[in-house]
Structure formats: structure tokens, C-alpha cells
Amino acid sequence: MKRKGLYPKEAPSADVGYSPGILAEGQKFIFVSGQGPRDLKADMETQMRQTFERIGEVLKEAGASIENIVIIRSYFVNMKRDLPVFRKVRKEFLVKPYPASTAIGTTELAIPGLEIEIEAVAVL
């Protein structure tokens, strides 16, 4: 799989840790359903790490890894509190060129007590 970050002048990144676009070439797509943490009572930084680890496990099952991710979508119940933490943690897992990314604030998620959910698309 080959990835190339797309950085047009009129579409700057709001934060380091994602690319405005990704050109990906490969033969297989892996769509990872929204994942959340194992421990809903852990601090948010730990919950985010656990969520990325779960995404990694799904990708591993398909013969891929976090490096194959081309876009992530993150859903936050408390975006103001959690987005700065997310921006820090994602750089521990994602590699350059960083995937495209969208962050969405919502009032609730499908599982009671869940405050963050991340879905991903990877190309292999």
C-alpha cells in the first residue's frame, strides 16, 4: 500500500496529527466499525489509547496495521474536554503522512457511558 499526504494551500490542517487528504493505492479496504475503550471508568487518555489498541486488533485480523489507516472519524460526547487529549494521543499511534481525520461532537453514543468512539478506514 502506498500513501501520499495531500496538503493544498487552501486546505490547511488545523492541527498536526492529520492530513487534509490522503492519496492511497492498494488492493484491499478495511472498514473498522466505531470502537471504544475496554474500561469506561478510566481517565480519557487511557480510554483513547485503549480505543486505538482495539482498532489495531481489528486491522491485525485483516493483515494490516495502524500504518494502513487512511481516514479516522472520532465521535466525542465532550469534545471541548477531550479533543486536546485526542490530538496528543493520536500522534502516539498514527504515522506520517497522517490519515485524514474528522472529529464530531454528539450528545450520546450507542453504549451507555461511552464518551469516545473512533472508526477507521485502512488500505492494504
N, C-alpha and C. Protein backbone atom coordinates (compact mmCIF):
# COMPACT_ATOMS: atom_id res chain seq x y z
N MET A 1 0.84 -1.17 0.00
CA MET A 1 0.00 0.00 0.00
C MET A 1 0.88 1.23 0.00
N LYS A 2 0.53 2.19 -0.83
CA LYS A 2 1.25 3.46 -0.86
C LYS A 2 0.30 4.56 -0.43
N ARG A 3 0.82 5.48 0.39
CA ARG A 3 0.04 6.63 0.84
C ARG A 3 0.82 7.90 0.57
N LYS A 4 0.10 8.93 0.19
CA LYS A 4 0.70 10.24 -0.02
C LYS A 4 -0.21 11.27 0.62
N GLY A 5 0.34 12.12 1.47
CA GLY A 5 -0.44 13.19 2.08
C GLY A 5 -0.72 14.28 1.06
N LEU A 6 -1.91 14.85 1.11
CA LEU A 6 -2.30 15.94 0.22
C LEU A 6 -2.45 17.20 1.06
N TYR A 7 -1.69 18.25 0.72
CA TYR A 7 -1.64 19.46 1.53
C TYR A 7 -1.82 20.72 0.68
N PRO A 8 -2.98 20.91 0.05
CA PRO A 8 -3.18 22.11 -0.75
C PRO A 8 -3.20 23.36 0.14
N LYS A 9 -2.74 24.47 -0.41
CA LYS A 9 -2.65 25.72 0.37
C LYS A 9 -4.00 26.15 0.91
N GLU A 10 -5.08 25.88 0.18
CA GLU A 10 -6.41 26.33 0.60
C GLU A 10 -7.09 25.38 1.58
N ALA A 11 -6.42 24.30 1.97
CA ALA A 11 -7.00 23.35 2.93
C ALA A 11 -5.97 23.01 4.00
N PRO A 12 -5.58 24.01 4.79
CA PRO A 12 -4.55 23.74 5.81
C PRO A 12 -5.08 22.85 6.94
N SER A 13 -4.18 22.13 7.58
CA SER A 13 -4.53 21.32 8.74
C SER A 13 -4.71 22.26 9.93
N ALA A 14 -5.74 22.01 10.74
CA ALA A 14 -5.96 22.81 11.94
C ALA A 14 -5.00 22.38 13.05
N ASP A 15 -4.43 21.20 12.93
CA ASP A 15 -3.56 20.65 13.96
C ASP A 15 -2.63 19.62 13.32
N VAL A 16 -1.42 19.52 13.84
CA VAL A 16 -0.54 18.45 13.40
C VAL A 16 -1.15 17.15 13.89
N GLY A 17 -1.08 16.12 13.12
CA GLY A 17 -1.65 14.84 13.52
C GLY A 17 -2.67 14.33 12.52
N TYR A 18 -2.98 15.13 11.49
CA TYR A 18 -3.82 14.66 10.41
C TYR A 18 -3.46 15.40 9.15
N SER A 19 -3.83 14.85 8.01
CA SER A 19 -3.60 15.46 6.70
C SER A 19 -4.94 15.90 6.12
N PRO A 20 -4.97 17.01 5.35
CA PRO A 20 -6.21 17.40 4.72
C PRO A 20 -6.75 16.33 3.77
N GLY A 21 -5.87 15.53 3.19
CA GLY A 21 -6.28 14.46 2.31
C GLY A 21 -5.20 13.41 2.20
N ILE A 22 -5.57 12.23 1.75
CA ILE A 22 -4.63 11.12 1.55
C ILE A 22 -4.92 10.48 0.20
N LEU A 23 -3.89 10.31 -0.59
CA LEU A 23 -3.99 9.53 -1.82
C LEU A 23 -3.46 8.14 -1.46
N ALA A 24 -4.32 7.13 -1.55
CA ALA A 24 -3.94 5.77 -1.15
C ALA A 24 -4.10 4.83 -2.33
N GLU A 25 -3.08 3.99 -2.52
CA GLU A 25 -3.13 2.96 -3.55
C GLU A 25 -2.95 1.61 -2.89
N GLY A 26 -3.86 0.71 -3.16
CA GLY A 26 -3.78 -0.62 -2.58
C GLY A 26 -4.84 -1.51 -3.20
N GLN A 27 -4.94 -2.73 -2.68
CA GLN A 27 -5.86 -3.69 -3.26
C GLN A 27 -7.04 -4.02 -2.35
N LYS A 28 -6.92 -3.74 -1.07
CA LYS A 28 -7.98 -4.10 -0.13
C LYS A 28 -8.31 -2.90 0.75
N PHE A 29 -9.60 -2.77 1.07
CA PHE A 29 -10.05 -1.76 2.02
C PHE A 29 -10.52 -2.48 3.27
N ILE A 30 -10.19 -1.92 4.43
CA ILE A 30 -10.66 -2.45 5.70
C ILE A 30 -11.46 -1.33 6.36
N PHE A 31 -12.72 -1.60 6.64
CA PHE A 31 -13.59 -0.64 7.29
C PHE A 31 -13.76 -1.08 8.74
N VAL A 32 -13.27 -0.27 9.67
CA VAL A 32 -13.34 -0.62 11.09
C VAL A 32 -14.51 0.14 11.71
N SER A 33 -15.47 -0.61 12.20
CA SER A 33 -16.62 0.00 12.89
C SER A 33 -16.13 0.79 14.09
N GLY A 34 -16.97 1.71 14.55
CA GLY A 34 -16.62 2.51 15.71
C GLY A 34 -16.19 1.65 16.88
N GLN A 35 -15.05 1.99 17.44
CA GLN A 35 -14.50 1.26 18.58
C GLN A 35 -14.44 2.21 19.78
N GLY A 36 -14.55 1.63 20.95
CA GLY A 36 -14.42 2.38 22.20
C GLY A 36 -13.46 1.66 23.13
N PRO A 37 -13.26 2.21 24.30
CA PRO A 37 -12.31 1.63 25.25
C PRO A 37 -12.87 0.40 25.96
N ARG A 38 -11.97 -0.36 26.58
CA ARG A 38 -12.37 -1.50 27.41
C ARG A 38 -12.92 -1.03 28.75
N ASP A 39 -12.30 0.03 29.29
CA ASP A 39 -12.63 0.50 30.65
C ASP A 39 -13.24 1.90 30.58
N LEU A 40 -14.55 1.97 30.71
CA LEU A 40 -15.25 3.25 30.63
C LEU A 40 -15.02 4.13 31.85
N LYS A 41 -14.41 3.59 32.89
CA LYS A 41 -14.14 4.37 34.10
C LYS A 41 -12.72 4.92 34.14
N ALA A 42 -11.89 4.52 33.17
CA ALA A 42 -10.50 5.00 33.11
C ALA A 42 -10.49 6.48 32.71
N ASP A 43 -9.36 7.15 32.96
CA ASP A 43 -9.24 8.54 32.51
C ASP A 43 -9.30 8.56 30.99
N MET A 44 -9.63 9.71 30.43
CA MET A 44 -9.88 9.81 28.99
C MET A 44 -8.65 9.46 28.17
N GLU A 45 -7.47 9.83 28.61
CA GLU A 45 -6.26 9.50 27.86
C GLU A 45 -6.11 7.98 27.74
N THR A 46 -6.35 7.27 28.81
CA THR A 46 -6.29 5.81 28.80
C THR A 46 -7.38 5.24 27.90
N GLN A 47 -8.59 5.79 27.97
CA GLN A 47 -9.67 5.32 27.12
C GLN A 47 -9.32 5.47 25.64
N MET A 48 -8.69 6.57 25.29
CA MET A 48 -8.31 6.79 23.88
C MET A 48 -7.25 5.79 23.45
N ARG A 49 -6.27 5.54 24.30
CA ARG A 49 -5.25 4.54 23.96
C ARG A 49 -5.88 3.17 23.77
N GLN A 50 -6.78 2.80 24.66
CA GLN A 50 -7.46 1.51 24.55
C GLN A 50 -8.26 1.43 23.25
N THR A 51 -8.86 2.54 22.85
CA THR A 51 -9.64 2.56 21.62
C THR A 51 -8.74 2.35 20.40
N PHE A 52 -7.60 3.04 20.36
CA PHE A 52 -6.67 2.83 19.25
C PHE A 52 -6.13 1.40 19.26
N GLU A 53 -5.90 0.83 20.43
CA GLU A 53 -5.44 -0.56 20.52
C GLU A 53 -6.48 -1.51 19.93
N ARG A 54 -7.75 -1.25 20.21
CA ARG A 54 -8.82 -2.09 19.64
C ARG A 54 -8.87 -1.98 18.13
N ILE A 55 -8.71 -0.77 17.62
CA ILE A 55 -8.65 -0.58 16.16
C ILE A 55 -7.49 -1.39 15.60
N GLY A 56 -6.35 -1.35 16.26
CA GLY A 56 -5.19 -2.11 15.82
C GLY A 56 -5.46 -3.60 15.79
N GLU A 57 -6.22 -4.11 16.74
CA GLU A 57 -6.56 -5.54 16.77
C GLU A 57 -7.43 -5.92 15.57
N VAL A 58 -8.40 -5.08 15.24
CA VAL A 58 -9.25 -5.35 14.08
C VAL A 58 -8.41 -5.36 12.81
N LEU A 59 -7.52 -4.38 12.67
CA LEU A 59 -6.66 -4.30 11.48
C LEU A 59 -5.73 -5.51 11.40
N LYS A 60 -5.20 -5.91 12.53
CA LYS A 60 -4.30 -7.07 12.56
C LYS A 60 -5.01 -8.32 12.04
N GLU A 61 -6.29 -8.47 12.39
CA GLU A 61 -7.08 -9.60 11.93
C GLU A 61 -7.16 -9.65 10.40
N ALA A 62 -7.05 -8.47 9.76
CA ALA A 62 -7.10 -8.38 8.29
C ALA A 62 -5.70 -8.38 7.67
N GLY A 63 -4.66 -8.52 8.49
CA GLY A 63 -3.30 -8.49 7.98
C GLY A 63 -2.75 -7.09 7.79
N ALA A 64 -3.38 -6.12 8.43
CA ALA A 64 -2.97 -4.72 8.30
C ALA A 64 -2.52 -4.20 9.67
N SER A 65 -2.18 -2.92 9.72
CA SER A 65 -1.79 -2.28 10.98
C SER A 65 -2.26 -0.82 10.97
N ILE A 66 -2.03 -0.16 12.06
CA ILE A 66 -2.38 1.26 12.19
C ILE A 66 -1.78 2.07 11.04
N GLU A 67 -0.62 1.67 10.55
CA GLU A 67 0.04 2.39 9.45
C GLU A 67 -0.78 2.39 8.16
N ASN A 68 -1.73 1.48 8.03
CA ASN A 68 -2.55 1.39 6.83
C ASN A 68 -3.79 2.30 6.87
N ILE A 69 -4.03 2.96 8.00
CA ILE A 69 -5.22 3.81 8.12
C ILE A 69 -5.09 5.02 7.21
N VAL A 70 -6.17 5.31 6.46
CA VAL A 70 -6.19 6.47 5.58
C VAL A 70 -7.16 7.54 6.06
N ILE A 71 -8.15 7.17 6.89
CA ILE A 71 -9.05 8.16 7.49
C ILE A 71 -9.59 7.63 8.80
N ILE A 72 -9.74 8.53 9.77
CA ILE A 72 -10.42 8.20 11.02
C ILE A 72 -11.53 9.22 11.26
N ARG A 73 -12.58 8.74 11.89
CA ARG A 73 -13.66 9.62 12.34
C ARG A 73 -13.83 9.38 13.83
N SER A 74 -13.79 10.46 14.58
CA SER A 74 -13.85 10.36 16.03
C SER A 74 -15.09 11.08 16.53
N TYR A 75 -15.81 10.43 17.43
CA TYR A 75 -17.04 10.97 17.99
C TYR A 75 -16.84 11.21 19.48
N PHE A 76 -17.17 12.43 19.93
CA PHE A 76 -16.94 12.83 21.31
C PHE A 76 -18.24 13.32 21.95
N VAL A 77 -18.51 12.85 23.16
CA VAL A 77 -19.63 13.38 23.93
C VAL A 77 -19.23 14.71 24.55
N ASN A 78 -17.94 14.86 24.89
CA ASN A 78 -17.45 16.10 25.49
C ASN A 78 -16.25 16.58 24.67
N MET A 79 -16.50 17.13 23.50
CA MET A 79 -15.42 17.50 22.59
C MET A 79 -14.49 18.55 23.18
N LYS A 80 -15.03 19.54 23.84
CA LYS A 80 -14.19 20.61 24.40
C LYS A 80 -13.14 20.04 25.35
N ARG A 81 -13.54 19.10 26.19
CA ARG A 81 -12.62 18.49 27.14
C ARG A 81 -11.67 17.50 26.47
N ASP A 82 -12.20 16.70 25.53
CA ASP A 82 -11.46 15.55 25.04
C ASP A 82 -10.64 15.76 23.78
N LEU A 83 -10.99 16.73 22.94
CA LEU A 83 -10.26 16.92 21.69
C LEU A 83 -8.77 17.21 21.90
N PRO A 84 -8.39 18.08 22.86
CA PRO A 84 -6.95 18.30 23.06
C PRO A 84 -6.21 17.02 23.47
N VAL A 85 -6.84 16.18 24.28
CA VAL A 85 -6.23 14.91 24.69
C VAL A 85 -6.11 14.00 23.48
N PHE A 86 -7.15 13.94 22.67
CA PHE A 86 -7.16 13.12 21.47
C PHE A 86 -6.03 13.53 20.53
N ARG A 87 -5.84 14.83 20.33
CA ARG A 87 -4.78 15.32 19.44
C ARG A 87 -3.41 14.86 19.91
N LYS A 88 -3.22 14.76 21.20
CA LYS A 88 -1.95 14.28 21.75
C LYS A 88 -1.82 12.76 21.54
N VAL A 89 -2.84 12.01 21.93
CA VAL A 89 -2.76 10.54 21.91
C VAL A 89 -2.67 10.00 20.49
N ARG A 90 -3.40 10.58 19.54
CA ARG A 90 -3.39 10.02 18.18
C ARG A 90 -1.99 10.02 17.59
N LYS A 91 -1.15 10.99 17.97
CA LYS A 91 0.22 11.03 17.43
C LYS A 91 1.09 9.92 17.99
N GLU A 92 0.65 9.27 19.06
CA GLU A 92 1.37 8.10 19.59
C GLU A 92 1.12 6.87 18.72
N PHE A 93 0.01 6.85 17.99
CA PHE A 93 -0.39 5.68 17.23
C PHE A 93 -0.27 5.87 15.73
N LEU A 94 -0.62 7.03 15.21
CA LEU A 94 -0.67 7.27 13.77
C LEU A 94 0.70 7.71 13.26
N VAL A 95 0.97 7.44 11.98
CA VAL A 95 2.26 7.75 11.38
C VAL A 95 2.07 8.66 10.18
N LYS A 96 3.13 9.39 9.84
CA LYS A 96 3.11 10.28 8.68
C LYS A 96 3.17 9.48 7.39
N PRO A 97 2.50 9.89 6.34
CA PRO A 97 1.57 11.01 6.38
C PRO A 97 0.35 10.62 7.20
N TYR A 98 0.00 11.49 8.13
CA TYR A 98 -1.13 11.19 8.99
C TYR A 98 -2.40 11.00 8.17
N PRO A 99 -3.32 10.15 8.63
CA PRO A 99 -4.57 9.95 7.91
C PRO A 99 -5.41 11.22 7.89
N ALA A 100 -6.34 11.27 6.96
CA ALA A 100 -7.37 12.30 7.01
C ALA A 100 -8.18 12.05 8.29
N SER A 101 -8.83 13.09 8.81
CA SER A 101 -9.50 12.94 10.09
C SER A 101 -10.68 13.89 10.22
N THR A 102 -11.73 13.40 10.85
CA THR A 102 -12.89 14.23 11.17
C THR A 102 -13.24 13.99 12.63
N ALA A 103 -13.51 15.07 13.36
CA ALA A 103 -13.94 14.98 14.76
C ALA A 103 -15.37 15.50 14.86
N ILE A 104 -16.22 14.74 15.53
CA ILE A 104 -17.64 15.07 15.60
C ILE A 104 -18.08 15.07 17.06
N GLY A 105 -18.77 16.14 17.46
CA GLY A 105 -19.35 16.21 18.78
C GLY A 105 -20.78 15.68 18.74
N THR A 106 -21.17 14.93 19.76
CA THR A 106 -22.52 14.35 19.81
C THR A 106 -23.00 14.34 21.26
N THR A 107 -24.28 14.22 21.45
CA THR A 107 -24.82 14.22 22.82
C THR A 107 -24.71 12.86 23.49
N GLU A 108 -24.71 11.79 22.70
CA GLU A 108 -24.54 10.46 23.28
C GLU A 108 -24.12 9.46 22.21
N LEU A 109 -23.57 8.33 22.67
CA LEU A 109 -23.17 7.25 21.79
C LEU A 109 -24.01 6.01 22.12
N ALA A 110 -23.90 4.98 21.30
CA ALA A 110 -24.80 3.82 21.39
C ALA A 110 -24.69 3.05 22.71
N ILE A 111 -23.51 3.01 23.31
CA ILE A 111 -23.31 2.26 24.55
C ILE A 111 -23.39 3.23 25.73
N PRO A 112 -24.26 2.98 26.70
CA PRO A 112 -24.36 3.88 27.86
C PRO A 112 -23.00 4.05 28.54
N GLY A 113 -22.62 5.30 28.80
CA GLY A 113 -21.35 5.60 29.46
C GLY A 113 -20.19 5.81 28.50
N LEU A 114 -20.34 5.43 27.24
CA LEU A 114 -19.29 5.61 26.24
C LEU A 114 -19.19 7.09 25.90
N GLU A 115 -17.97 7.66 25.96
CA GLU A 115 -17.79 9.08 25.69
C GLU A 115 -16.92 9.36 24.47
N ILE A 116 -16.27 8.31 23.93
CA ILE A 116 -15.48 8.45 22.70
C ILE A 116 -15.64 7.18 21.88
N GLU A 117 -15.75 7.38 20.57
CA GLU A 117 -15.81 6.25 19.64
C GLU A 117 -15.04 6.66 18.40
N ILE A 118 -14.22 5.75 17.89
CA ILE A 118 -13.40 6.05 16.71
C ILE A 118 -13.62 4.95 15.68
N GLU A 119 -13.87 5.36 14.44
CA GLU A 119 -13.94 4.41 13.32
C GLU A 119 -12.80 4.73 12.36
N ALA A 120 -12.42 3.76 11.55
CA ALA A 120 -11.28 3.94 10.66
C ALA A 120 -11.49 3.20 9.35
N VAL A 121 -10.81 3.70 8.33
CA VAL A 121 -10.72 3.01 7.04
C VAL A 121 -9.23 2.86 6.76
N ALA A 122 -8.85 1.64 6.38
CA ALA A 122 -7.46 1.36 6.06
C ALA A 122 -7.38 0.76 4.66
N VAL A 123 -6.23 0.90 4.02
CA VAL A 123 -6.00 0.33 2.70
C VAL A 123 -4.77 -0.56 2.80
N LEU A 124 -4.89 -1.74 2.24
CA LEU A 124 -3.80 -2.72 2.28
C LEU A 124 -3.39 -3.07 0.86
